[in-house]
Amino acid sequence: MTRPSPRLMSAHASSLCREHGIARGGESPFSKKIMAVIGNLVDQGWADTVNRRLHYPVVISTKSYFVAMHEIGHMLLGHIIMEDDPLWRVLAIEAEANQWAKDHMLEGSWDAPARRCCHRQLDMNLENMIFLATQCGIPVPTWLPPADHLFWTLYGTSRQTWLEQKEIEDIETEPMSVLGLGERIYEIRCEEDPTETKIESIEEWRSNWDWVDPILVSDHPTAIISDTTNRPITPFCG
């Protein structure tokens, strides 16, 4: 099967953006926040689903084409994480955007480099999750998508096998929401340095949640900000 040329793959991604009224490049409220934490995003991608603007690297290979299609997938799937969503949705939507990309890439472009990029992205999501779980004292199983979610099919390893490989016990845990994670981080900050806490109460903090926290940002960041109704959402970097 012939692999499409970079020019053809780039044109396909661009045409999807034009067709669906998605602005590419520039800045958005999200990109300004995330760039302040991790710096230049030239080699990465992000999709601000609220402001309908995205960025992806120049398409020169099936790998960069996959990144572009992944970000477009976030946009067209309408990915927004709300405060009452379960914590595992943060990982699940990355897999859903990957699946969308796989299903809509041009014939011949889902090759070994694209598949490796897909797997590496999910693997980084898992590793970032372990780091954050450790920092916040939240059991890892709380963060994992259900065993039958497409995340594990794309990743190529079952949920149980992954837990066994990491030597993590699959214990039953209390469900936690995205807001619950934010509250936990707030508590940790208060415990570490209460003299620097400028917010008087968790209620006040919840009503003004508009932040990007370095603890949530790594090579493949997912940053939590809020919209005009103060309901947390997550634009995405991939």
Protein backbone atom coordinates (compact mmCIF):
# COMPACT_ATOMS: atom_id res chain seq x y z
CA MET A 1 0.00 0.00 0.00
CA THR A 2 1.42 3.37 -1.04
CA ARG A 3 2.02 5.90 1.69
CA PRO A 4 0.52 9.33 0.91
CA SER A 5 2.95 12.18 0.44
CA PRO A 6 3.51 14.74 3.22
CA ARG A 7 1.93 17.36 0.98
CA LEU A 8 -1.23 15.28 0.61
CA MET A 9 -1.42 14.51 4.34
CA SER A 10 -0.91 18.17 5.21
CA ALA A 11 -3.60 19.22 2.74
CA HIS A 12 -6.02 16.71 4.26
CA ALA A 13 -5.53 18.07 7.80
CA SER A 14 -5.85 21.65 6.59
CA SER A 15 -9.03 20.89 4.65
CA LEU A 16 -10.64 19.36 7.74
CA CYS A 17 -9.88 22.51 9.71
CA ARG A 18 -11.40 24.71 7.01
CA GLU A 19 -14.44 22.45 6.64
CA HIS A 20 -15.23 22.58 10.35
CA GLY A 21 -14.34 26.20 11.04
CA ILE A 22 -11.30 25.45 13.19
CA ALA A 23 -8.62 28.12 13.46
CA ARG A 24 -5.04 26.89 13.41
CA GLY A 25 -2.04 28.38 15.16
CA GLY A 26 -1.79 31.70 16.89
CA GLU A 27 -2.69 31.98 20.53
CA SER A 28 -5.68 31.18 22.67
CA PRO A 29 -6.40 31.63 26.38
CA PHE A 30 -5.26 28.04 26.83
CA SER A 31 -2.07 28.23 24.78
CA LYS A 32 -0.89 31.33 26.64
CA LYS A 33 -1.30 29.54 29.96
CA ILE A 34 0.35 26.30 28.91
CA MET A 35 3.25 28.02 27.13
CA ALA A 36 3.99 29.93 30.33
CA VAL A 37 4.65 26.57 31.98
CA ILE A 38 6.34 24.42 29.32
CA GLY A 39 7.60 26.94 26.78
CA ASN A 40 7.44 26.64 23.00
CA LEU A 41 4.82 24.30 21.56
CA VAL A 42 6.21 24.17 18.02
CA ASP A 43 6.89 20.43 18.13
CA GLN A 44 3.73 19.51 19.99
CA GLY A 45 0.03 19.96 19.48
CA TRP A 46 -2.88 21.36 21.39
CA ALA A 47 -6.59 21.76 20.82
CA ASP A 48 -8.58 24.45 22.58
CA THR A 49 -12.07 23.01 22.18
CA VAL A 50 -13.77 26.01 23.76
CA ASN A 51 -12.28 28.65 21.46
CA ARG A 52 -12.11 26.27 18.47
CA ARG A 53 -8.43 26.80 17.84
CA LEU A 54 -5.66 24.24 17.58
CA HIS A 55 -2.00 23.82 16.81
CA TYR A 56 -0.09 20.91 15.34
CA PRO A 57 3.45 20.64 13.96
CA VAL A 58 4.25 20.93 10.27
CA VAL A 59 3.13 17.70 8.63
CA ILE A 60 6.26 16.08 7.20
CA SER A 61 5.64 12.44 8.11
CA THR A 62 2.94 10.01 9.16
CA LYS A 63 3.92 10.73 12.78
CA SER A 64 3.26 14.48 12.55
CA TYR A 65 0.15 13.73 10.48
CA PHE A 66 -1.12 11.52 13.30
CA VAL A 67 -0.53 14.36 15.80
CA ALA A 68 -2.52 16.71 13.57
CA MET A 69 -5.38 14.26 13.21
CA HIS A 70 -5.35 13.57 16.94
CA GLU A 71 -5.85 17.26 17.72
CA ILE A 72 -8.57 17.57 15.08
CA GLY A 73 -10.18 14.54 16.67
CA HIS A 74 -10.34 16.33 20.03
CA MET A 75 -12.09 19.23 18.33
CA LEU A 76 -14.63 17.23 16.34
CA LEU A 77 -15.42 14.92 19.25
CA GLY A 78 -16.09 17.99 21.38
CA HIS A 79 -13.80 16.92 24.20
CA ILE A 80 -14.40 18.97 27.31
CA ILE A 81 -13.87 17.54 30.78
CA MET A 82 -16.25 18.88 33.37
CA GLU A 83 -15.67 19.06 37.10
CA ASP A 84 -17.94 16.12 37.88
CA ASP A 85 -16.42 13.78 35.28
CA PRO A 86 -14.62 10.75 36.70
CA LEU A 87 -10.87 11.10 36.87
CA TRP A 88 -10.29 8.30 34.34
CA ARG A 89 -11.91 10.41 31.60
CA VAL A 90 -8.65 12.38 31.35
CA LEU A 91 -6.94 9.27 29.93
CA ALA A 92 -9.98 8.01 28.07
CA ILE A 93 -10.40 11.04 25.85
CA GLU A 94 -6.80 10.80 24.68
CA ALA A 95 -7.50 7.30 23.44
CA GLU A 96 -10.74 8.45 21.81
CA ALA A 97 -8.87 11.16 19.89
CA ASN A 98 -6.27 8.58 18.85
CA GLN A 99 -8.99 6.25 17.60
CA TRP A 100 -10.60 9.08 15.65
CA ALA A 101 -7.24 9.88 14.06
CA LYS A 102 -6.66 6.25 13.14
CA ASP A 103 -10.12 5.94 11.60
CA HIS A 104 -9.85 9.13 9.52
CA MET A 105 -6.23 9.15 8.36
CA LEU A 106 -5.64 8.70 4.64
CA GLU A 107 -5.25 5.16 3.40
CA GLY A 108 -1.67 3.95 3.77
CA SER A 109 -0.74 6.45 6.50
CA TRP A 110 -1.45 4.23 9.53
CA ASP A 111 2.04 2.77 9.34
CA ALA A 112 4.61 1.72 11.96
CA PRO A 113 5.74 5.28 12.88
CA ALA A 114 2.12 6.39 13.35
CA ARG A 115 1.32 3.32 15.46
CA ARG A 116 4.42 3.91 17.60
CA CYS A 117 3.42 7.53 18.10
CA CYS A 118 -0.05 6.43 19.20
CA HIS A 119 1.34 3.90 21.67
CA ARG A 120 4.00 6.28 23.02
CA GLN A 121 1.40 8.96 23.64
CA LEU A 122 -0.81 6.60 25.65
CA ASP A 123 2.23 5.29 27.49
CA MET A 124 3.24 8.83 28.48
CA ASN A 125 -0.31 9.48 29.64
CA LEU A 126 -0.06 6.47 31.94
CA GLU A 127 3.36 7.45 33.26
CA ASN A 128 2.20 11.01 33.93
CA MET A 129 -0.81 9.62 35.73
CA ILE A 130 1.41 7.48 37.99
CA PHE A 131 3.49 10.53 38.85
CA LEU A 132 0.46 12.64 39.68
CA ALA A 133 -1.16 9.79 41.63
CA THR A 134 2.00 9.50 43.72
CA GLN A 135 2.16 13.24 44.34
CA CYS A 136 -1.48 13.44 45.38
CA GLY A 137 -1.77 10.16 47.24
CA ILE A 138 -4.59 8.94 45.01
CA PRO A 139 -4.60 5.18 44.18
CA VAL A 140 -3.62 4.46 40.57
CA PRO A 141 -6.70 2.30 39.77
CA THR A 142 -8.87 5.38 40.34
CA TRP A 143 -7.30 6.98 37.25
CA LEU A 144 -7.60 4.03 34.87
CA PRO A 145 -10.31 3.67 32.23
CA PRO A 146 -12.56 0.61 32.59
CA ALA A 147 -11.17 -2.70 31.31
CA ASP A 148 -13.48 -2.65 28.28
CA HIS A 149 -12.61 0.91 27.20
CA LEU A 150 -10.91 1.29 23.82
CA PHE A 151 -7.89 2.81 25.62
CA TRP A 152 -6.60 -0.68 26.34
CA THR A 153 -7.26 -1.97 22.83
CA LEU A 154 -5.24 0.88 21.33
CA TYR A 155 -2.53 0.52 23.95
CA GLY A 156 -2.23 -3.18 23.17
CA THR A 157 -2.22 -4.32 26.78
CA SER A 158 -5.15 -5.17 29.00
CA ARG A 159 -5.84 -3.13 32.12
CA GLN A 160 -5.10 -6.11 34.37
CA THR A 161 -1.86 -6.98 32.58
CA TRP A 162 -0.65 -3.39 32.83
CA LEU A 163 -1.37 -3.32 36.57
CA GLU A 164 0.48 -6.59 37.04
CA GLN A 165 3.48 -5.34 35.05
CA LYS A 166 3.63 -2.24 37.24
CA GLU A 167 3.11 -4.37 40.35
CA ILE A 168 0.07 -2.31 41.30
CA GLU A 169 -2.78 -3.98 43.18
CA ASP A 170 -6.15 -3.57 41.50
CA ILE A 171 -7.96 -2.51 44.63
CA GLU A 172 -11.49 -1.15 44.73
CA THR A 173 -11.36 2.60 45.25
CA GLU A 174 -13.85 5.35 45.84
CA PRO A 175 -14.70 7.16 42.58
CA MET A 176 -13.03 10.54 42.26
CA SER A 177 -14.01 13.43 40.03
CA VAL A 178 -11.75 15.90 38.25
CA LEU A 179 -12.80 18.49 40.81
CA GLY A 180 -11.84 16.05 43.55
CA LEU A 181 -8.31 16.01 42.14
CA GLY A 182 -8.20 19.79 42.18
CA GLU A 183 -9.37 19.87 45.78
CA ARG A 184 -6.70 17.36 46.73
CA ILE A 185 -3.99 19.53 45.15
CA TYR A 186 -5.38 22.53 47.03
CA GLU A 187 -5.15 20.60 50.30
CA ILE A 188 -1.54 19.62 49.57
CA ARG A 189 -0.60 23.24 48.91
CA CYS A 190 -2.17 24.32 52.20
CA GLU A 191 -0.35 21.57 54.07
CA GLU A 192 3.03 22.41 52.52
CA ASP A 193 2.96 26.16 53.03
CA PRO A 194 -0.17 27.55 54.70
CA THR A 195 1.40 31.02 55.02
CA GLU A 196 1.40 31.41 51.24
CA THR A 197 -2.19 30.35 50.72
CA LYS A 198 -4.07 33.38 49.45
CA ILE A 199 -7.46 31.68 49.24
CA GLU A 200 -9.39 31.69 52.48
CA SER A 201 -11.54 28.63 51.89
CA ILE A 202 -12.03 25.71 49.53
CA GLU A 203 -15.39 27.22 48.56
CA GLU A 204 -13.72 30.43 47.41
CA TRP A 205 -11.03 28.46 45.59
CA ARG A 206 -13.63 26.34 43.81
CA SER A 207 -15.45 29.44 42.60
CA ASN A 208 -12.25 30.89 41.12
CA TRP A 209 -10.63 27.83 39.62
CA ASP A 210 -8.59 29.17 36.71
CA TRP A 211 -5.11 27.71 36.72
CA VAL A 212 -2.46 25.63 35.06
CA ASP A 213 -0.47 23.66 37.59
CA PRO A 214 3.08 22.45 36.79
CA ILE A 215 2.29 19.17 38.53
CA LEU A 216 -0.10 18.42 35.67
CA VAL A 217 2.36 19.32 32.94
CA SER A 218 5.09 17.13 31.49
CA ASP A 219 6.17 15.98 28.04
CA HIS A 220 2.55 15.36 27.19
CA PRO A 221 0.57 17.89 29.22
CA THR A 222 -3.07 17.96 30.13
CA ALA A 223 -3.82 21.29 31.74
CA ILE A 224 -6.94 22.17 33.66
CA ILE A 225 -8.40 25.65 33.29
CA SER A 226 -11.90 27.01 33.69
CA ASP A 227 -14.42 28.63 31.38
CA THR A 228 -16.62 31.66 31.97
CA THR A 229 -19.04 29.64 34.09
CA ASN A 230 -16.21 28.48 36.36
CA ARG A 231 -16.78 24.86 35.40
CA PRO A 232 -13.40 23.20 34.88
CA ILE A 233 -12.55 22.08 31.37
CA THR A 234 -9.50 20.61 29.76
CA PRO A 235 -8.14 21.63 26.39
CA PHE A 236 -5.48 19.18 25.35
CA CYS A 237 -1.91 18.88 24.21
CA GLY A 238 -0.94 15.76 22.30
